[in-house]
Amino acid sequence: MVVDNGSSPAVVVSGEFPGLRLVVEPLKGAANARNRGVAETTAPRLWFLDADCVPAPDWLDQARVVCDRASIVGGEVEVFDESVGRRSGAQGFEALFAFDCQAYVEQMGFAVTANLLTTRELFERAGPFIDGVPEDKEWCYRAVQAGANIVYEPRLRVRHPSRSDWTALRRKWRRLTQEAWSDQRRKPYGKIRWAVRSALVMISGIAHLPRVVSTDKLCVSEKVLTALTLLRLRAVRGLWMIGQITGAQP
């Protein structure tokens, strides 16, 4: 099942994939698209991928092997560059900080829906994804409250393209910051918590510089660009967060 979330131009599915179904969900948002995919199917197992992810050749085989390990199985997401040559600051940042799926599952208690296995029974018990918030994190927390258990499975692998430049990286984090604020503002002492978090975000760039310096994934010039991007992004995010508290940002 492929859900076209109002692409322009629209997705065209040829006869190359005879078992594939395509539906169009005009209401924008990953949560709405995923909910539509669930509603259009009846299978007892729900296995989620994102359209920009490239699953490993053995992804389906591994999914069949590991899907019963828990009611939610979160896989690994590896970042790759679609361009060749020296990495930009955005690509270097993504290579180091885009996905830490094991930590998400084992330390934070959620899995990303770019590579997630679950069951229809749990989905119906926990309820659908909610648009406008970090939908994978919020849904996993709700599912765990409904009795689910969650595990990380490194054998279940997909590859995700890195954001190639500052504009794409900024757009991604603007969306994530807006979603996180929409979720946080509804909680007790939401503004106070968000103010504290904004300060931590702004100083976290300095705290994470050693990770950039010590990595063997980047050459020296790439490390310089990545470090500058890290500091810039964390500062901008902190300012966005302050603006959300004061009403200067949506």
Protein backbone atom coordinates (compact mmCIF):
# COMPACT_ATOMS: atom_id res chain seq x y z
CA MET A 1 0.00 0.00 0.00
CA VAL A 2 1.40 3.40 -1.03
CA VAL A 3 -0.29 6.57 0.17
CA ASP A 4 0.32 9.61 -2.02
CA ASN A 5 -0.01 12.60 0.31
CA GLY A 6 -1.12 15.05 -2.38
CA SER A 7 2.13 14.99 -4.38
CA SER A 8 2.60 17.38 -7.27
CA PRO A 9 2.89 15.88 -9.79
CA ALA A 10 0.90 12.93 -8.57
CA VAL A 11 2.55 9.56 -8.07
CA VAL A 12 2.14 7.18 -10.99
CA VAL A 13 2.34 3.43 -10.33
CA SER A 14 3.09 1.32 -13.38
CA GLY A 15 2.56 -2.38 -14.01
CA GLU A 16 6.09 -2.97 -12.75
CA PHE A 17 4.63 -3.56 -9.27
CA PRO A 18 1.57 -5.77 -9.80
CA GLY A 19 0.79 -6.30 -6.10
CA LEU A 20 0.89 -2.61 -5.21
CA ARG A 21 -2.11 -0.45 -4.28
CA LEU A 22 -2.03 3.34 -4.46
CA VAL A 23 -4.42 5.72 -2.70
CA VAL A 24 -4.34 9.50 -2.44
CA GLU A 25 -4.76 11.28 0.89
CA PRO A 26 -5.28 14.99 0.11
CA LEU A 27 -5.12 16.07 3.76
CA LYS A 28 -1.48 16.99 4.27
CA GLY A 29 0.65 15.46 6.99
CA ALA A 30 2.43 12.16 7.59
CA ALA A 31 -0.02 11.23 10.35
CA ASN A 32 -2.99 11.61 8.00
CA ALA A 33 -1.25 9.59 5.27
CA ARG A 34 -0.39 6.75 7.63
CA ASN A 35 -3.89 6.68 9.08
CA ARG A 36 -5.30 6.47 5.56
CA GLY A 37 -3.03 3.54 4.75
CA VAL A 38 -4.23 1.69 7.85
CA ALA A 39 -7.87 2.44 7.04
CA GLU A 40 -7.47 1.10 3.49
CA THR A 41 -6.11 -2.28 4.64
CA THR A 42 -7.27 -5.22 6.75
CA ALA A 43 -4.01 -7.09 7.44
CA PRO A 44 -3.33 -7.99 11.10
CA ARG A 45 0.23 -6.63 10.86
CA LEU A 46 1.11 -3.00 10.09
CA TRP A 47 4.63 -2.32 8.85
CA PHE A 48 5.51 1.32 8.17
CA LEU A 49 8.13 2.85 5.86
CA ASP A 50 8.54 6.41 4.60
CA ALA A 51 8.50 7.17 0.89
CA ASP A 52 12.02 8.61 0.94
CA CYS A 53 13.50 5.55 2.64
CA VAL A 54 15.30 2.75 0.79
CA PRO A 55 14.71 -0.55 2.58
CA ALA A 56 17.52 -3.09 2.67
CA PRO A 57 17.10 -5.97 0.18
CA ASP A 58 16.29 -8.32 3.06
CA TRP A 59 13.90 -5.91 4.83
CA LEU A 60 10.77 -8.03 4.32
CA ASP A 61 12.56 -11.23 5.29
CA GLN A 62 13.93 -9.64 8.45
CA ALA A 63 10.52 -8.14 9.27
CA ARG A 64 8.97 -11.60 9.17
CA VAL A 65 11.67 -12.90 11.52
CA VAL A 66 11.58 -10.11 14.12
CA CYS A 67 7.98 -8.87 14.07
CA ASP A 68 6.96 -11.03 17.05
CA ARG A 69 9.76 -9.80 19.31
CA ALA A 70 7.43 -7.10 20.68
CA SER A 71 4.21 -5.30 19.87
CA ILE A 72 6.33 -2.42 18.49
CA VAL A 73 9.61 -3.12 16.72
CA GLY A 74 11.76 -0.15 15.73
CA GLY A 75 14.47 -0.70 13.14
CA GLU A 76 17.66 1.09 12.16
CA VAL A 77 17.74 4.12 9.84
CA GLU A 78 21.05 4.81 8.12
CA VAL A 79 21.75 8.16 6.46
CA PHE A 80 23.26 8.36 2.97
CA ASP A 81 24.13 11.26 0.65
CA GLU A 82 22.48 11.48 -2.75
CA SER A 83 25.32 13.65 -4.06
CA VAL A 84 29.01 12.77 -4.41
CA GLY A 85 32.05 14.72 -3.29
CA ARG A 86 32.64 16.72 -0.14
CA ARG A 87 29.75 16.77 2.30
CA SER A 88 28.00 20.05 3.02
CA GLY A 89 27.50 21.17 6.61
CA ALA A 90 23.91 19.95 6.45
CA GLN A 91 24.95 16.52 5.18
CA GLY A 92 27.62 16.23 7.85
CA PHE A 93 25.13 17.20 10.53
CA GLU A 94 22.64 14.62 9.30
CA ALA A 95 25.33 11.93 9.17
CA LEU A 96 26.06 12.45 12.87
CA PHE A 97 22.76 13.57 14.38
CA ALA A 98 19.81 12.65 12.13
CA PHE A 99 18.84 9.26 13.59
CA ASP A 100 19.85 7.47 16.79
CA CYS A 101 17.22 4.77 16.62
CA GLN A 102 18.63 2.58 19.36
CA ALA A 103 18.63 5.49 21.81
CA TYR A 104 15.13 6.51 20.72
CA VAL A 105 13.80 3.06 21.62
CA GLU A 106 15.92 2.07 24.59
CA GLN A 107 16.29 5.46 26.29
CA MET A 108 13.32 7.53 25.11
CA GLY A 109 10.71 4.82 24.54
CA PHE A 110 9.64 5.44 20.95
CA ALA A 111 10.47 4.30 17.42
CA VAL A 112 10.39 6.34 14.22
CA THR A 113 7.70 5.41 11.73
CA ALA A 114 10.26 5.48 8.93
CA ASN A 115 10.95 1.88 10.00
CA LEU A 116 8.38 0.50 12.42
CA LEU A 117 6.50 -2.79 12.81
CA THR A 118 3.34 -3.17 14.87
CA THR A 119 -0.08 -4.83 14.80
CA ARG A 120 -3.54 -3.70 13.84
CA GLU A 121 -4.85 -4.82 17.22
CA LEU A 122 -2.48 -2.45 19.02
CA PHE A 123 -3.15 0.37 16.57
CA GLU A 124 -6.89 0.10 17.15
CA ARG A 125 -6.35 -0.07 20.91
CA ALA A 126 -4.02 2.94 21.04
CA GLY A 127 -5.81 5.00 18.41
CA PRO A 128 -4.59 6.70 15.21
CA PHE A 129 -1.66 9.01 14.66
CA ILE A 130 -2.30 12.65 15.54
CA ASP A 131 -1.40 15.36 13.04
CA GLY A 132 0.51 18.46 14.12
CA VAL A 133 2.63 16.79 16.83
CA PRO A 134 5.65 14.43 16.62
CA GLU A 135 3.28 11.67 15.55
CA ASP A 136 5.59 8.68 15.89
CA LYS A 137 6.79 9.63 19.37
CA GLU A 138 3.31 10.57 20.59
CA TRP A 139 1.75 7.39 19.20
CA CYS A 140 4.41 5.12 20.71
CA TYR A 141 3.99 6.72 24.13
CA ARG A 142 0.23 6.25 23.88
CA ALA A 143 0.65 2.65 22.73
CA VAL A 144 2.97 1.85 25.65
CA GLN A 145 0.41 3.34 28.03
CA ALA A 146 -2.10 0.97 26.40
CA GLY A 147 0.10 -2.00 27.30
CA ALA A 148 2.54 -2.26 24.39
CA ASN A 149 6.19 -3.21 24.68
CA ILE A 150 8.85 -1.87 22.31
CA VAL A 151 12.25 -3.16 21.17
CA TYR A 152 15.03 -1.99 18.87
CA GLU A 153 16.04 -4.35 16.06
CA PRO A 154 19.26 -3.46 14.18
CA ARG A 155 18.73 -6.18 11.56
CA LEU A 156 15.70 -4.27 10.24
CA ARG A 157 17.44 -1.63 8.14
CA VAL A 158 16.45 1.22 5.86
CA ARG A 159 18.50 4.07 4.36
CA HIS A 160 17.34 7.68 4.43
CA PRO A 161 18.80 10.49 2.26
CA SER A 162 20.47 13.36 4.09
CA ARG A 163 19.28 16.95 3.75
CA SER A 164 21.71 18.44 1.28
CA ASP A 165 21.79 22.10 2.29
CA TRP A 166 20.90 24.60 4.99
CA THR A 167 17.48 25.41 3.49
CA ALA A 168 16.34 21.78 3.58
CA LEU A 169 17.78 21.23 7.06
CA ARG A 170 16.16 24.41 8.38
CA ARG A 171 12.79 23.40 6.91
CA LYS A 172 12.97 20.00 8.59
CA TRP A 173 13.79 21.41 12.02
CA ARG A 174 11.26 24.22 11.72
CA ARG A 175 8.57 21.58 11.22
CA LEU A 176 9.85 19.40 14.07
CA THR A 177 10.05 22.39 16.42
CA GLN A 178 6.50 23.45 15.57
CA GLU A 179 5.21 19.92 16.16
CA ALA A 180 7.05 19.60 19.45
CA TRP A 181 5.69 22.97 20.65
CA SER A 182 2.14 21.98 19.71
CA ASP A 183 2.53 18.91 21.91
CA GLN A 184 4.37 20.60 24.79
CA ARG A 185 2.12 23.65 25.15
CA ARG A 186 -0.83 21.43 26.14
CA LYS A 187 1.02 19.94 29.11
CA PRO A 188 1.19 21.35 32.67
CA TYR A 189 3.82 24.10 32.94
CA GLY A 190 4.34 23.74 29.21
CA LYS A 191 5.75 27.24 28.69
CA ILE A 192 8.16 26.94 31.60
CA ARG A 193 9.40 23.57 30.37
CA TRP A 194 9.77 24.95 26.85
CA ALA A 195 11.75 27.96 28.11
CA VAL A 196 14.18 25.66 29.93
CA ARG A 197 14.43 23.44 26.89
CA SER A 198 15.15 26.43 24.62
CA ALA A 199 18.14 27.36 26.78
CA LEU A 200 19.42 23.78 26.72
CA VAL A 201 19.03 23.61 22.95
CA MET A 202 21.06 26.78 22.46
CA ILE A 203 23.99 25.53 24.54
CA SER A 204 23.78 21.95 23.27
CA GLY A 205 25.67 22.89 20.14
CA ILE A 206 28.79 23.53 22.19
CA ALA A 207 28.24 20.32 24.16
CA HIS A 208 28.05 18.28 20.95
CA LEU A 209 31.13 19.78 19.27
CA PRO A 210 33.40 16.96 20.57
CA ARG A 211 31.27 14.48 18.65
CA VAL A 212 31.97 16.38 15.45
CA VAL A 213 35.68 16.71 16.17
CA SER A 214 36.22 13.05 17.08
CA THR A 215 34.19 11.37 14.32
CA ASP A 216 35.91 9.35 11.60
CA LYS A 217 32.96 9.84 9.23
CA LEU A 218 34.09 13.32 8.15
CA CYS A 219 37.28 14.85 6.81
CA VAL A 220 38.71 18.02 8.38
CA SER A 221 36.96 20.47 6.05
CA GLU A 222 33.66 18.62 6.49
CA LYS A 223 34.07 18.80 10.26
CA VAL A 224 34.45 22.58 10.07
CA LEU A 225 31.29 22.95 7.98
CA THR A 226 29.39 20.53 10.21
CA ALA A 227 30.46 22.32 13.39
CA LEU A 228 29.29 25.67 12.02
CA THR A 229 25.98 24.15 10.94
CA LEU A 230 25.52 22.54 14.36
CA LEU A 231 26.05 25.83 16.22
CA ARG A 232 23.89 27.78 13.78
CA LEU A 233 20.99 25.32 13.87
CA ARG A 234 20.91 25.01 17.66
CA ALA A 235 20.99 28.81 18.04
CA VAL A 236 18.18 29.26 15.49
CA ARG A 237 16.07 26.56 17.12
CA GLY A 238 16.49 28.19 20.52
CA LEU A 239 15.33 31.53 19.12
CA TRP A 240 12.33 29.85 17.46
CA MET A 241 11.39 28.30 20.80
CA ILE A 242 11.62 31.61 22.62
CA GLY A 243 9.49 33.17 19.91
CA GLN A 244 6.85 30.47 20.35
CA ILE A 245 6.61 31.22 24.06
CA THR A 246 6.27 34.97 23.49
CA GLY A 247 3.93 34.64 20.55
CA ALA A 248 6.44 35.99 18.01
CA GLN A 249 6.52 32.56 16.31
CA PRO A 250 3.50 30.30 15.56
